[in-house]
Amino acid sequence: MPARSNATAKATPALAHFQTYLKQNSVPHTWNVDDNGHDSTSWRNNLYHFAQYLFR
């Protein structure tokens, strides 16, 4: 799974550090931070992307 970073600056420092650790250690991951929080838009979008990954 390719690393995808679109808003690292908006993440908390601990999460940004974790993402940096994953990149430095070549751990395949998807990193996606959006402005929606835990509302229905966020859940819908993230579920869609997760399902695309899961069922490819």
N, C-alpha and C. Protein backbone atom coordinates (compact mmCIF):
# COMPACT_ATOMS: atom_id res chain seq x y z
N MET A 1 0.85 -1.16 0.00
CA MET A 1 0.00 0.00 0.00
C MET A 1 0.90 1.23 0.00
N PRO A 2 0.77 2.10 -0.97
CA PRO A 2 1.67 3.27 -1.04
C PRO A 2 1.37 4.29 0.04
N ALA A 3 2.41 4.94 0.48
CA ALA A 3 2.23 6.03 1.45
C ALA A 3 1.58 7.21 0.74
N ARG A 4 0.61 7.79 1.37
CA ARG A 4 -0.10 8.92 0.78
C ARG A 4 -0.25 9.96 1.88
N SER A 5 0.36 11.09 1.71
CA SER A 5 0.30 12.13 2.73
C SER A 5 -0.22 13.40 2.11
N ASN A 6 -1.35 13.90 2.62
CA ASN A 6 -1.89 15.12 2.06
C ASN A 6 -2.04 16.23 3.08
N ALA A 7 -1.80 15.95 4.36
CA ALA A 7 -1.97 17.01 5.36
C ALA A 7 -1.20 16.68 6.63
N THR A 8 0.04 16.30 6.50
CA THR A 8 0.82 15.91 7.67
C THR A 8 0.89 17.03 8.69
N ALA A 9 0.92 18.28 8.26
CA ALA A 9 1.05 19.41 9.18
C ALA A 9 -0.17 19.53 10.10
N LYS A 10 -1.32 19.01 9.69
CA LYS A 10 -2.52 19.10 10.50
C LYS A 10 -2.61 17.98 11.54
N ALA A 11 -1.79 16.97 11.43
CA ALA A 11 -1.82 15.86 12.36
C ALA A 11 -1.19 16.27 13.69
N THR A 12 -1.55 15.55 14.74
CA THR A 12 -0.93 15.83 16.02
C THR A 12 0.55 15.49 15.93
N PRO A 13 1.39 16.08 16.76
CA PRO A 13 2.82 15.79 16.70
C PRO A 13 3.13 14.30 16.87
N ALA A 14 2.42 13.62 17.74
CA ALA A 14 2.68 12.19 17.95
C ALA A 14 2.36 11.39 16.69
N LEU A 15 1.24 11.70 16.03
CA LEU A 15 0.89 10.98 14.80
C LEU A 15 1.84 11.32 13.67
N ALA A 16 2.25 12.57 13.59
CA ALA A 16 3.21 12.96 12.55
C ALA A 16 4.54 12.23 12.78
N HIS A 17 4.95 12.09 14.03
CA HIS A 17 6.17 11.36 14.35
C HIS A 17 6.03 9.89 13.95
N PHE A 18 4.88 9.30 14.23
CA PHE A 18 4.63 7.91 13.87
C PHE A 18 4.70 7.72 12.36
N GLN A 19 4.11 8.64 11.62
CA GLN A 19 4.15 8.55 10.16
C GLN A 19 5.58 8.69 9.66
N THR A 20 6.36 9.57 10.24
CA THR A 20 7.77 9.73 9.88
C THR A 20 8.53 8.44 10.16
N TYR A 21 8.27 7.83 11.30
CA TYR A 21 8.90 6.55 11.64
C TYR A 21 8.59 5.49 10.58
N LEU A 22 7.32 5.40 10.18
CA LEU A 22 6.95 4.41 9.17
C LEU A 22 7.68 4.65 7.86
N LYS A 23 7.76 5.91 7.44
CA LYS A 23 8.47 6.24 6.19
C LYS A 23 9.95 5.92 6.29
N GLN A 24 10.58 6.28 7.41
CA GLN A 24 12.01 6.04 7.57
C GLN A 24 12.34 4.55 7.57
N ASN A 25 11.41 3.73 8.02
CA ASN A 25 11.63 2.29 8.09
C ASN A 25 10.98 1.54 6.94
N SER A 26 10.58 2.27 5.91
CA SER A 26 10.01 1.70 4.68
C SER A 26 8.83 0.77 4.95
N VAL A 27 7.99 1.16 5.89
CA VAL A 27 6.79 0.39 6.20
C VAL A 27 5.68 0.85 5.26
N PRO A 28 5.15 -0.06 4.42
CA PRO A 28 4.08 0.33 3.51
C PRO A 28 2.84 0.74 4.32
N HIS A 29 2.28 1.88 4.00
CA HIS A 29 1.12 2.37 4.74
C HIS A 29 0.41 3.46 3.95
N THR A 30 -0.81 3.71 4.34
CA THR A 30 -1.58 4.82 3.78
C THR A 30 -1.79 5.82 4.89
N TRP A 31 -1.46 7.05 4.62
CA TRP A 31 -1.58 8.13 5.61
C TRP A 31 -2.49 9.17 5.02
N ASN A 32 -3.64 9.35 5.63
CA ASN A 32 -4.61 10.29 5.10
C ASN A 32 -5.21 11.07 6.27
N VAL A 33 -5.00 12.37 6.27
CA VAL A 33 -5.57 13.25 7.28
C VAL A 33 -6.51 14.21 6.55
N ASP A 34 -7.73 14.30 7.05
CA ASP A 34 -8.67 15.23 6.43
C ASP A 34 -9.24 16.17 7.48
N ASP A 35 -10.05 17.10 7.05
CA ASP A 35 -10.60 18.11 7.95
C ASP A 35 -11.95 17.72 8.55
N ASN A 36 -12.42 16.52 8.28
CA ASN A 36 -13.79 16.17 8.64
C ASN A 36 -13.97 15.60 10.04
N GLY A 37 -12.92 15.17 10.69
CA GLY A 37 -13.08 14.59 12.02
C GLY A 37 -13.81 13.26 11.95
N HIS A 38 -14.75 13.04 12.85
CA HIS A 38 -15.49 11.78 12.89
C HIS A 38 -16.95 11.99 12.48
N ASP A 39 -17.16 12.80 11.46
CA ASP A 39 -18.53 12.99 10.98
C ASP A 39 -18.84 11.99 9.87
N SER A 40 -20.05 12.01 9.39
CA SER A 40 -20.47 11.02 8.39
C SER A 40 -19.70 11.15 7.08
N THR A 41 -19.30 12.36 6.72
CA THR A 41 -18.52 12.55 5.49
C THR A 41 -17.17 11.84 5.60
N SER A 42 -16.54 12.00 6.72
CA SER A 42 -15.24 11.35 6.94
C SER A 42 -15.38 9.83 6.90
N TRP A 43 -16.36 9.30 7.61
CA TRP A 43 -16.56 7.86 7.63
C TRP A 43 -16.86 7.33 6.24
N ARG A 44 -17.72 8.00 5.50
CA ARG A 44 -18.10 7.56 4.16
C ARG A 44 -16.87 7.53 3.24
N ASN A 45 -16.10 8.62 3.23
CA ASN A 45 -14.92 8.69 2.36
C ASN A 45 -13.88 7.66 2.74
N ASN A 46 -13.60 7.52 4.03
CA ASN A 46 -12.57 6.58 4.45
C ASN A 46 -13.01 5.13 4.27
N LEU A 47 -14.29 4.84 4.48
CA LEU A 47 -14.79 3.49 4.23
C LEU A 47 -14.67 3.15 2.75
N TYR A 48 -14.98 4.11 1.90
CA TYR A 48 -14.85 3.89 0.46
C TYR A 48 -13.41 3.52 0.09
N HIS A 49 -12.45 4.30 0.57
CA HIS A 49 -11.04 4.03 0.25
C HIS A 49 -10.57 2.71 0.85
N PHE A 50 -11.01 2.39 2.05
CA PHE A 50 -10.63 1.13 2.67
C PHE A 50 -11.21 -0.05 1.88
N ALA A 51 -12.47 0.06 1.46
CA ALA A 51 -13.08 -1.02 0.67
C ALA A 51 -12.36 -1.20 -0.66
N GLN A 52 -11.94 -0.11 -1.30
CA GLN A 52 -11.20 -0.20 -2.56
C GLN A 52 -9.91 -0.98 -2.35
N TYR A 53 -9.23 -0.72 -1.24
CA TYR A 53 -7.99 -1.43 -0.93
C TYR A 53 -8.27 -2.89 -0.60
N LEU A 54 -9.30 -3.13 0.19
CA LEU A 54 -9.59 -4.46 0.68
C LEU A 54 -10.02 -5.41 -0.42
N PHE A 55 -10.81 -4.92 -1.36
CA PHE A 55 -11.40 -5.79 -2.39
C PHE A 55 -10.75 -5.65 -3.76
N ARG A 56 -9.51 -5.24 -3.84
CA ARG A 56 -8.87 -5.16 -5.15
C ARG A 56 -8.34 -6.49 -5.59
